[in-house]
Amino acid sequence: MLDIAETRTSVAVLLSWVLFVVTLVPGGFLGYLLRRNGVWIGVGLWVVSLLLPFPTAELAAISHRGFTGLATGTILGYLGLIWRQRQASE
């Protein structure tokens, strides 16, 4: 019985990291295209993910890490936009 619980937890951790990496790309586009509004949207979704109730800890970890990837991507996309604008102005 303990083996099943450990396997379920390890699969949830693996899936949550995959979701984190996958959501970085759309988050980056969101931050790049929408500028500061995209950052606010990404961070707002991340805060909402902290407040949502989930039936299991595994589902909560997967959801939260996905929203964290999206928020991180929006911030990185916005920073990329700022960097590009500075390069263009020089």
PDB file of N, CA and C in Angstrom:
ATOM      1  N   MET A   1       0.820  -1.191   0.000  1.00  0.00           N
ATOM      2  CA  MET A   1       0.000   0.000   0.000  1.00  0.00           C
ATOM      3  C   MET A   1       0.862   1.253   0.000  1.00  0.00           C
ATOM      4  N   LEU A   2       1.959   1.229   0.714  1.00  0.00           N
ATOM      5  CA  LEU A   2       2.845   2.362   0.776  1.00  0.00           C
ATOM      6  C   LEU A   2       3.527   2.614  -0.568  1.00  0.00           C
ATOM      7  N   ASP A   3       3.791   1.557  -1.307  1.00  0.00           N
ATOM      8  CA  ASP A   3       4.419   1.698  -2.624  1.00  0.00           C
ATOM      9  C   ASP A   3       3.521   2.449  -3.598  1.00  0.00           C
ATOM     10  N   ILE A   4       2.240   2.209  -3.529  1.00  0.00           N
ATOM     11  CA  ILE A   4       1.300   2.894  -4.422  1.00  0.00           C
ATOM     12  C   ILE A   4       1.274   4.391  -4.107  1.00  0.00           C
ATOM     13  N   ALA A   5       1.267   4.735  -2.838  1.00  0.00           N
ATOM     14  CA  ALA A   5       1.244   6.149  -2.452  1.00  0.00           C
ATOM     15  C   ALA A   5       2.536   6.844  -2.869  1.00  0.00           C
ATOM     16  N   GLU A   6       3.674   6.173  -2.713  1.00  0.00           N
ATOM     17  CA  GLU A   6       4.947   6.765  -3.122  1.00  0.00           C
ATOM     18  C   GLU A   6       5.010   6.943  -4.634  1.00  0.00           C
ATOM     19  N   THR A   7       4.505   5.969  -5.369  1.00  0.00           N
ATOM     20  CA  THR A   7       4.491   6.056  -6.829  1.00  0.00           C
ATOM     21  C   THR A   7       3.584   7.196  -7.282  1.00  0.00           C
ATOM     22  N   ARG A   8       2.432   7.309  -6.664  1.00  0.00           N
ATOM     23  CA  ARG A   8       1.502   8.382  -7.011  1.00  0.00           C
ATOM     24  C   ARG A   8       2.117   9.752  -6.750  1.00  0.00           C
ATOM     25  N   THR A   9       2.805   9.894  -5.645  1.00  0.00           N
ATOM     26  CA  THR A   9       3.453  11.159  -5.315  1.00  0.00           C
ATOM     27  C   THR A   9       4.579  11.470  -6.293  1.00  0.00           C
ATOM     28  N   SER A  10       5.379  10.482  -6.629  1.00  0.00           N
ATOM     29  CA  SER A  10       6.498  10.732  -7.551  1.00  0.00           C
ATOM     30  C   SER A  10       6.003  11.052  -8.955  1.00  0.00           C
ATOM     31  N   VAL A  11       4.924  10.415  -9.386  1.00  0.00           N
ATOM     32  CA  VAL A  11       4.340  10.736 -10.698  1.00  0.00           C
ATOM     33  C   VAL A  11       3.770  12.147 -10.686  1.00  0.00           C
ATOM     34  N   ALA A  12       3.148  12.544  -9.592  1.00  0.00           N
ATOM     35  CA  ALA A  12       2.604  13.899  -9.487  1.00  0.00           C
ATOM     36  C   ALA A  12       3.714  14.938  -9.526  1.00  0.00           C
ATOM     37  N   VAL A  13       4.824  14.664  -8.869  1.00  0.00           N
ATOM     38  CA  VAL A  13       5.948  15.602  -8.892  1.00  0.00           C
ATOM     39  C   VAL A  13       6.523  15.699 -10.303  1.00  0.00           C
ATOM     40  N   LEU A  14       6.671  14.578 -10.969  1.00  0.00           N
ATOM     41  CA  LEU A  14       7.187  14.578 -12.345  1.00  0.00           C
ATOM     42  C   LEU A  14       6.255  15.345 -13.277  1.00  0.00           C
ATOM     43  N   LEU A  15       4.954  15.087 -13.185  1.00  0.00           N
ATOM     44  CA  LEU A  15       3.993  15.798 -14.028  1.00  0.00           C
ATOM     45  C   LEU A  15       3.968  17.293 -13.729  1.00  0.00           C
ATOM     46  N   SER A  16       4.114  17.656 -12.474  1.00  0.00           N
ATOM     47  CA  SER A  16       4.083  19.077 -12.144  1.00  0.00           C
ATOM     48  C   SER A  16       5.296  19.802 -12.731  1.00  0.00           C
ATOM     49  N   TRP A  17       6.466  19.160 -12.745  1.00  0.00           N
ATOM     50  CA  TRP A  17       7.642  19.795 -13.355  1.00  0.00           C
ATOM     51  C   TRP A  17       7.516  19.878 -14.868  1.00  0.00           C
ATOM     52  N   VAL A  18       6.931  18.852 -15.481  1.00  0.00           N
ATOM     53  CA  VAL A  18       6.695  18.899 -16.932  1.00  0.00           C
ATOM     54  C   VAL A  18       5.742  20.041 -17.255  1.00  0.00           C
ATOM     55  N   LEU A  19       4.695  20.187 -16.467  1.00  0.00           N
ATOM     56  CA  LEU A  19       3.744  21.273 -16.691  1.00  0.00           C
ATOM     57  C   LEU A  19       4.401  22.629 -16.483  1.00  0.00           C
ATOM     58  N   PHE A  20       5.297  22.740 -15.506  1.00  0.00           N
ATOM     59  CA  PHE A  20       6.022  23.987 -15.284  1.00  0.00           C
ATOM     60  C   PHE A  20       6.811  24.378 -16.525  1.00  0.00           C
ATOM     61  N   VAL A  21       7.531  23.434 -17.100  1.00  0.00           N
ATOM     62  CA  VAL A  21       8.348  23.722 -18.281  1.00  0.00           C
ATOM     63  C   VAL A  21       7.471  24.053 -19.484  1.00  0.00           C
ATOM     64  N   VAL A  22       6.381  23.332 -19.641  1.00  0.00           N
ATOM     65  CA  VAL A  22       5.489  23.553 -20.786  1.00  0.00           C
ATOM     66  C   VAL A  22       4.818  24.922 -20.711  1.00  0.00           C
ATOM     67  N   THR A  23       4.478  25.389 -19.523  1.00  0.00           N
ATOM     68  CA  THR A  23       3.776  26.666 -19.406  1.00  0.00           C
ATOM     69  C   THR A  23       4.714  27.870 -19.447  1.00  0.00           C
ATOM     70  N   LEU A  24       6.017  27.647 -19.425  1.00  0.00           N
ATOM     71  CA  LEU A  24       6.940  28.774 -19.552  1.00  0.00           C
ATOM     72  C   LEU A  24       6.806  29.475 -20.904  1.00  0.00           C
ATOM     73  N   VAL A  25       6.610  28.700 -21.972  1.00  0.00           N
ATOM     74  CA  VAL A  25       6.554  29.279 -23.317  1.00  0.00           C
ATOM     75  C   VAL A  25       5.319  30.161 -23.511  1.00  0.00           C
ATOM     76  N   PRO A  26       4.102  29.662 -23.243  1.00  0.00           N
ATOM     77  CA  PRO A  26       2.956  30.572 -23.405  1.00  0.00           C
ATOM     78  C   PRO A  26       3.007  31.749 -22.434  1.00  0.00           C
ATOM     79  N   GLY A  27       3.557  31.531 -21.248  1.00  0.00           N
ATOM     80  CA  GLY A  27       3.704  32.636 -20.307  1.00  0.00           C
ATOM     81  C   GLY A  27       4.659  33.684 -20.839  1.00  0.00           C
ATOM     82  N   GLY A  28       5.734  33.250 -21.498  1.00  0.00           N
ATOM     83  CA  GLY A  28       6.672  34.194 -22.094  1.00  0.00           C
ATOM     84  C   GLY A  28       6.034  35.021 -23.187  1.00  0.00           C
ATOM     85  N   PHE A  29       5.224  34.382 -24.034  1.00  0.00           N
ATOM     86  CA  PHE A  29       4.511  35.133 -25.074  1.00  0.00           C
ATOM     87  C   PHE A  29       3.521  36.110 -24.452  1.00  0.00           C
ATOM     88  N   LEU A  30       2.856  35.676 -23.392  1.00  0.00           N
ATOM     89  CA  LEU A  30       1.894  36.545 -22.720  1.00  0.00           C
ATOM     90  C   LEU A  30       2.589  37.774 -22.151  1.00  0.00           C
ATOM     91  N   GLY A  31       3.713  37.582 -21.493  1.00  0.00           N
ATOM     92  CA  GLY A  31       4.453  38.712 -20.929  1.00  0.00           C
ATOM     93  C   GLY A  31       5.038  39.612 -21.996  1.00  0.00           C
ATOM     94  N   TYR A  32       5.464  39.017 -23.122  1.00  0.00           N
ATOM     95  CA  TYR A  32       6.061  39.805 -24.200  1.00  0.00           C
ATOM     96  C   TYR A  32       5.005  40.628 -24.926  1.00  0.00           C
ATOM     97  N   LEU A  33       3.868  40.025 -25.206  1.00  0.00           N
ATOM     98  CA  LEU A  33       2.835  40.709 -25.981  1.00  0.00           C
ATOM     99  C   LEU A  33       2.014  41.699 -25.153  1.00  0.00           C
ATOM    100  N   LEU A  34       1.677  41.323 -23.934  1.00  0.00           N
ATOM    101  CA  LEU A  34       0.801  42.172 -23.132  1.00  0.00           C
ATOM    102  C   LEU A  34       1.552  43.092 -22.179  1.00  0.00           C
ATOM    103  N   ARG A  35       2.857  43.005 -22.165  1.00  0.00           N
ATOM    104  CA  ARG A  35       3.723  43.843 -21.341  1.00  0.00           C
ATOM    105  C   ARG A  35       3.364  43.738 -19.862  1.00  0.00           C
ATOM    106  N   ARG A  36       3.184  44.830 -19.192  1.00  0.00           N
ATOM    107  CA  ARG A  36       2.911  44.771 -17.749  1.00  0.00           C
ATOM    108  C   ARG A  36       1.579  44.110 -17.440  1.00  0.00           C
ATOM    109  N   ASN A  37       0.596  44.270 -18.324  1.00  0.00           N
ATOM    110  CA  ASN A  37      -0.685  43.611 -18.086  1.00  0.00           C
ATOM    111  C   ASN A  37      -0.530  42.102 -18.076  1.00  0.00           C
ATOM    112  N   GLY A  38       0.340  41.588 -18.928  1.00  0.00           N
ATOM    113  CA  GLY A  38       0.596  40.153 -18.941  1.00  0.00           C
ATOM    114  C   GLY A  38       1.229  39.678 -17.657  1.00  0.00           C
ATOM    115  N   VAL A  39       2.124  40.493 -17.104  1.00  0.00           N
ATOM    116  CA  VAL A  39       2.744  40.141 -15.823  1.00  0.00           C
ATOM    117  C   VAL A  39       1.686  40.103 -14.726  1.00  0.00           C
ATOM    118  N   TRP A  40       0.806  41.091 -14.718  1.00  0.00           N
ATOM    119  CA  TRP A  40      -0.248  41.106 -13.705  1.00  0.00           C
ATOM    120  C   TRP A  40      -1.180  39.913 -13.858  1.00  0.00           C
ATOM    121  N   ILE A  41      -1.496  39.539 -15.094  1.00  0.00           N
ATOM    122  CA  ILE A  41      -2.357  38.381 -15.329  1.00  0.00           C
ATOM    123  C   ILE A  41      -1.673  37.107 -14.827  1.00  0.00           C
ATOM    124  N   GLY A  42      -0.407  36.939 -15.164  1.00  0.00           N
ATOM    125  CA  GLY A  42       0.323  35.748 -14.736  1.00  0.00           C
ATOM    126  C   GLY A  42       0.433  35.644 -13.227  1.00  0.00           C
ATOM    127  N   VAL A  43       0.774  36.736 -12.572  1.00  0.00           N
ATOM    128  CA  VAL A  43       0.900  36.725 -11.112  1.00  0.00           C
ATOM    129  C   VAL A  43      -0.467  36.547 -10.457  1.00  0.00           C
ATOM    130  N   GLY A  44      -1.481  37.150 -11.043  1.00  0.00           N
ATOM    131  CA  GLY A  44      -2.834  36.973 -10.510  1.00  0.00           C
ATOM    132  C   GLY A  44      -3.300  35.527 -10.597  1.00  0.00           C
ATOM    133  N   LEU A  45      -3.001  34.863 -11.708  1.00  0.00           N
ATOM    134  CA  LEU A  45      -3.349  33.444 -11.823  1.00  0.00           C
ATOM    135  C   LEU A  45      -2.581  32.605 -10.803  1.00  0.00           C
ATOM    136  N   TRP A  46      -1.329  32.984 -10.561  1.00  0.00           N
ATOM    137  CA  TRP A  46      -0.542  32.258  -9.574  1.00  0.00           C
ATOM    138  C   TRP A  46      -1.153  32.394  -8.183  1.00  0.00           C
ATOM    139  N   VAL A  47      -1.593  33.602  -7.828  1.00  0.00           N
ATOM    140  CA  VAL A  47      -2.216  33.816  -6.518  1.00  0.00           C
ATOM    141  C   VAL A  47      -3.525  33.039  -6.426  1.00  0.00           C
ATOM    142  N   VAL A  48      -4.295  33.020  -7.504  1.00  0.00           N
ATOM    143  CA  VAL A  48      -5.545  32.260  -7.512  1.00  0.00           C
ATOM    144  C   VAL A  48      -5.255  30.777  -7.314  1.00  0.00           C
ATOM    145  N   SER A  49      -4.159  30.285  -7.897  1.00  0.00           N
ATOM    146  CA  SER A  49      -3.840  28.865  -7.734  1.00  0.00           C
ATOM    147  C   SER A  49      -3.530  28.514  -6.285  1.00  0.00           C
ATOM    148  N   LEU A  50      -3.054  29.497  -5.521  1.00  0.00           N
ATOM    149  CA  LEU A  50      -2.817  29.245  -4.099  1.00  0.00           C
ATOM    150  C   LEU A  50      -4.123  29.152  -3.314  1.00  0.00           C
ATOM    151  N   LEU A  51      -5.146  29.830  -3.794  1.00  0.00           N
ATOM    152  CA  LEU A  51      -6.412  29.897  -3.061  1.00  0.00           C
ATOM    153  C   LEU A  51      -7.404  28.806  -3.452  1.00  0.00           C
ATOM    154  N   LEU A  52      -7.180  28.157  -4.595  1.00  0.00           N
ATOM    155  CA  LEU A  52      -8.125  27.134  -5.044  1.00  0.00           C
ATOM    156  C   LEU A  52      -8.035  25.885  -4.174  1.00  0.00           C
ATOM    157  N   PRO A  53      -9.186  25.358  -3.770  1.00  0.00           N
ATOM    158  CA  PRO A  53      -9.157  24.104  -3.002  1.00  0.00           C
ATOM    159  C   PRO A  53      -9.065  22.903  -3.950  1.00  0.00           C
ATOM    160  N   PHE A  54      -8.242  21.955  -3.617  1.00  0.00           N
ATOM    161  CA  PHE A  54      -8.101  20.741  -4.414  1.00  0.00           C
ATOM    162  C   PHE A  54      -8.341  19.533  -3.517  1.00  0.00           C
ATOM    163  N   PRO A  55      -8.887  18.461  -4.087  1.00  0.00           N
ATOM    164  CA  PRO A  55      -9.196  17.290  -3.256  1.00  0.00           C
ATOM    165  C   PRO A  55      -7.953  16.541  -2.759  1.00  0.00           C
ATOM    166  N   THR A  56      -6.850  16.626  -3.487  1.00  0.00           N
ATOM    167  CA  THR A  56      -5.636  15.936  -3.054  1.00  0.00           C
ATOM    168  C   THR A  56      -4.442  16.880  -3.131  1.00  0.00           C
ATOM    169  N   ALA A  57      -3.433  16.557  -2.378  1.00  0.00           N
ATOM    170  CA  ALA A  57      -2.214  17.375  -2.388  1.00  0.00           C
ATOM    171  C   ALA A  57      -1.492  17.263  -3.723  1.00  0.00           C
ATOM    172  N   GLU A  58      -1.608  16.112  -4.380  1.00  0.00           N
ATOM    173  CA  GLU A  58      -0.948  15.933  -5.673  1.00  0.00           C
ATOM    174  C   GLU A  58      -1.541  16.846  -6.727  1.00  0.00           C
ATOM    175  N   LEU A  59      -2.858  16.934  -6.779  1.00  0.00           N
ATOM    176  CA  LEU A  59      -3.509  17.830  -7.749  1.00  0.00           C
ATOM    177  C   LEU A  59      -3.173  19.288  -7.453  1.00  0.00           C
ATOM    178  N   ALA A  60      -3.088  19.632  -6.201  1.00  0.00           N
ATOM    179  CA  ALA A  60      -2.728  21.002  -5.836  1.00  0.00           C
ATOM    180  C   ALA A  60      -1.312  21.321  -6.287  1.00  0.00           C
ATOM    181  N   ALA A  61      -0.387  20.381  -6.110  1.00  0.00           N
ATOM    182  CA  ALA A  61       1.001  20.615  -6.523  1.00  0.00           C
ATOM    183  C   ALA A  61       1.115  20.764  -8.032  1.00  0.00           C
ATOM    184  N   ILE A  62       0.403  19.925  -8.772  1.00  0.00           N
ATOM    185  CA  ILE A  62       0.438  20.008 -10.232  1.00  0.00           C
ATOM    186  C   ILE A  62      -0.122  21.339 -10.706  1.00  0.00           C
ATOM    187  N   SER A  63      -1.263  21.736 -10.182  1.00  0.00           N
ATOM    188  CA  SER A  63      -1.890  22.985 -10.595  1.00  0.00           C
ATOM    189  C   SER A  63      -1.030  24.184 -10.217  1.00  0.00           C
ATOM    190  N   HIS A  64      -0.542  24.184  -8.998  1.00  0.00           N
ATOM    191  CA  HIS A  64       0.252  25.326  -8.542  1.00  0.00           C
ATOM    192  C   HIS A  64       1.547  25.454  -9.344  1.00  0.00           C
ATOM    193  N   ARG A  65       2.197  24.364  -9.646  1.00  0.00           N
ATOM    194  CA  ARG A  65       3.439  24.451 -10.409  1.00  0.00           C
ATOM    195  C   ARG A  65       3.155  24.891 -11.846  1.00  0.00           C
ATOM    196  N   GLY A  66       2.018  24.512 -12.411  1.00  0.00           N
ATOM    197  CA  GLY A  66       1.655  24.990 -13.740  1.00  0.00           C
ATOM    198  C   GLY A  66       1.441  26.492 -13.764  1.00  0.00           C
ATOM    199  N   PHE A  67       0.714  26.995 -12.782  1.00  0.00           N
ATOM    200  CA  PHE A  67       0.500  28.436 -12.701  1.00  0.00           C
ATOM    201  C   PHE A  67       1.796  29.177 -12.385  1.00  0.00           C
ATOM    202  N   THR A  68       2.665  28.555 -11.606  1.00  0.00           N
ATOM    203  CA  THR A  68       3.964  29.166 -11.322  1.00  0.00           C
ATOM    204  C   THR A  68       4.792  29.280 -12.589  1.00  0.00           C
ATOM    205  N   GLY A  69       4.737  28.248 -13.437  1.00  0.00           N
ATOM    206  CA  GLY A  69       5.435  28.308 -14.724  1.00  0.00           C
ATOM    207  C   GLY A  69       4.894  29.420 -15.601  1.00  0.00           C
ATOM    208  N   LEU A  70       3.587  29.578 -15.611  1.00  0.00           N
ATOM    209  CA  LEU A  70       2.979  30.640 -16.410  1.00  0.00           C
ATOM    210  C   LEU A  70       3.393  32.024 -15.891  1.00  0.00           C
ATOM    211  N   ALA A  71       3.356  32.204 -14.578  1.00  0.00           N
ATOM    212  CA  ALA A  71       3.751  33.497 -14.000  1.00  0.00           C
ATOM    213  C   ALA A  71       5.230  33.772 -14.244  1.00  0.00           C
ATOM    214  N   THR A  72       6.072  32.757 -14.090  1.00  0.00           N
ATOM    215  CA  THR A  72       7.507  32.929 -14.349  1.00  0.00           C
ATOM    216  C   THR A  72       7.753  33.274 -15.807  1.00  0.00           C
ATOM    217  N   GLY A  73       7.035  32.618 -16.700  1.00  0.00           N
ATOM    218  CA  GLY A  73       7.170  32.906 -18.126  1.00  0.00           C
ATOM    219  C   GLY A  73       6.758  34.324 -18.473  1.00  0.00           C
ATOM    220  N   THR A  74       5.693  34.823 -17.856  1.00  0.00           N
ATOM    221  CA  THR A  74       5.273  36.196 -18.156  1.00  0.00           C
ATOM    222  C   THR A  74       6.326  37.195 -17.696  1.00  0.00           C
ATOM    223  N   ILE A  75       6.913  36.950 -16.543  1.00  0.00           N
ATOM    224  CA  ILE A  75       7.953  37.865 -16.054  1.00  0.00           C
ATOM    225  C   ILE A  75       9.183  37.797 -16.953  1.00  0.00           C
ATOM    226  N   LEU A  76       9.578  36.598 -17.347  1.00  0.00           N
ATOM    227  CA  LEU A  76      10.730  36.471 -18.244  1.00  0.00           C
ATOM    228  C   LEU A  76      10.457  37.091 -19.612  1.00  0.00           C
ATOM    229  N   GLY A  77       9.226  36.930 -20.124  1.00  0.00           N
ATOM    230  CA  GLY A  77       8.868  37.542 -21.391  1.00  0.00           C
ATOM    231  C   GLY A  77       8.892  39.054 -21.319  1.00  0.00           C
ATOM    232  N   TYR A  78       8.415  39.602 -20.228  1.00  0.00           N
ATOM    233  CA  TYR A  78       8.440  41.058 -20.047  1.00  0.00           C
ATOM    234  C   TYR A  78       9.875  41.563 -19.924  1.00  0.00           C
ATOM    235  N   LEU A  79      10.716  40.841 -19.184  1.00  0.00           N
ATOM    236  CA  LEU A  79      12.123  41.225 -19.082  1.00  0.00           C
ATOM    237  C   LEU A  79      12.823  41.134 -20.438  1.00  0.00           C
ATOM    238  N   GLY A  80      12.444  40.135 -21.237  1.00  0.00           N
ATOM    239  CA  GLY A  80      12.985  40.040 -22.592  1.00  0.00           C
ATOM    240  C   GLY A  80      12.577  41.223 -23.450  1.00  0.00           C
ATOM    241  N   LEU A  81      11.346  41.667 -23.295  1.00  0.00           N
ATOM    242  CA  LEU A  81      10.874  42.844 -24.030  1.00  0.00           C
ATOM    243  C   LEU A  81      11.655  44.085 -23.626  1.00  0.00           C
ATOM    244  N   ILE A  82      11.870  44.279 -22.335  1.00  0.00           N
ATOM    245  CA  ILE A  82      12.642  45.436 -21.866  1.00  0.00           C
ATOM    246  C   ILE A  82      14.062  45.378 -22.418  1.00  0.00           C
ATOM    247  N   TRP A  83      14.666  44.205 -22.384  1.00  0.00           N
ATOM    248  CA  TRP A  83      16.035  44.044 -22.886  1.00  0.00           C
ATOM    249  C   TRP A  83      16.110  44.361 -24.380  1.00  0.00           C
ATOM    250  N   ARG A  84      15.115  43.888 -25.141  1.00  0.00           N
ATOM    251  CA  ARG A  84      15.096  44.169 -26.582  1.00  0.00           C
ATOM    252  C   ARG A  84      14.926  45.648 -26.864  1.00  0.00           C
ATOM    253  N   GLN A  85      14.073  46.314 -26.099  1.00  0.00           N
ATOM    254  CA  GLN A  85      13.870  47.747 -26.303  1.00  0.00           C
ATOM    255  C   GLN A  85      15.135  48.538 -25.964  1.00  0.00           C
ATOM    256  N   ARG A  86      15.872  48.113 -24.973  1.00  0.00           N
ATOM    257  CA  ARG A  86      17.136  48.786 -24.647  1.00  0.00           C
ATOM    258  C   ARG A  86      18.166  48.561 -25.740  1.00  0.00           C
ATOM    259  N   GLN A  87      18.207  47.366 -26.292  1.00  0.00           N
ATOM    260  CA  GLN A  87      19.141  47.081 -27.382  1.00  0.00           C
ATOM    261  C   GLN A  87      18.794  47.898 -28.621  1.00  0.00           C
ATOM    262  N   ALA A  88      17.519  48.091 -28.875  1.00  0.00           N
ATOM    263  CA  ALA A  88      17.097  48.845 -30.058  1.00  0.00           C
ATOM    264  C   ALA A  88      17.377  50.333 -29.891  1.00  0.00           C
ATOM    265  N   SER A  89      17.323  50.831 -28.679  1.00  0.00           N
ATOM    266  CA  SER A  89      17.539  52.270 -28.471  1.00  0.00           C
ATOM    267  C   SER A  89      19.023  52.647 -28.497  1.00  0.00           C
ATOM    268  N   GLU A  90      19.902  51.673 -28.336  1.00  0.00           N
ATOM    269  CA  GLU A  90      21.358  51.985 -28.331  1.00  0.00           C
ATOM    270  C   GLU A  90      21.920  52.112 -29.693  1.00  0.00           C
TER     271      GLU A  90
END
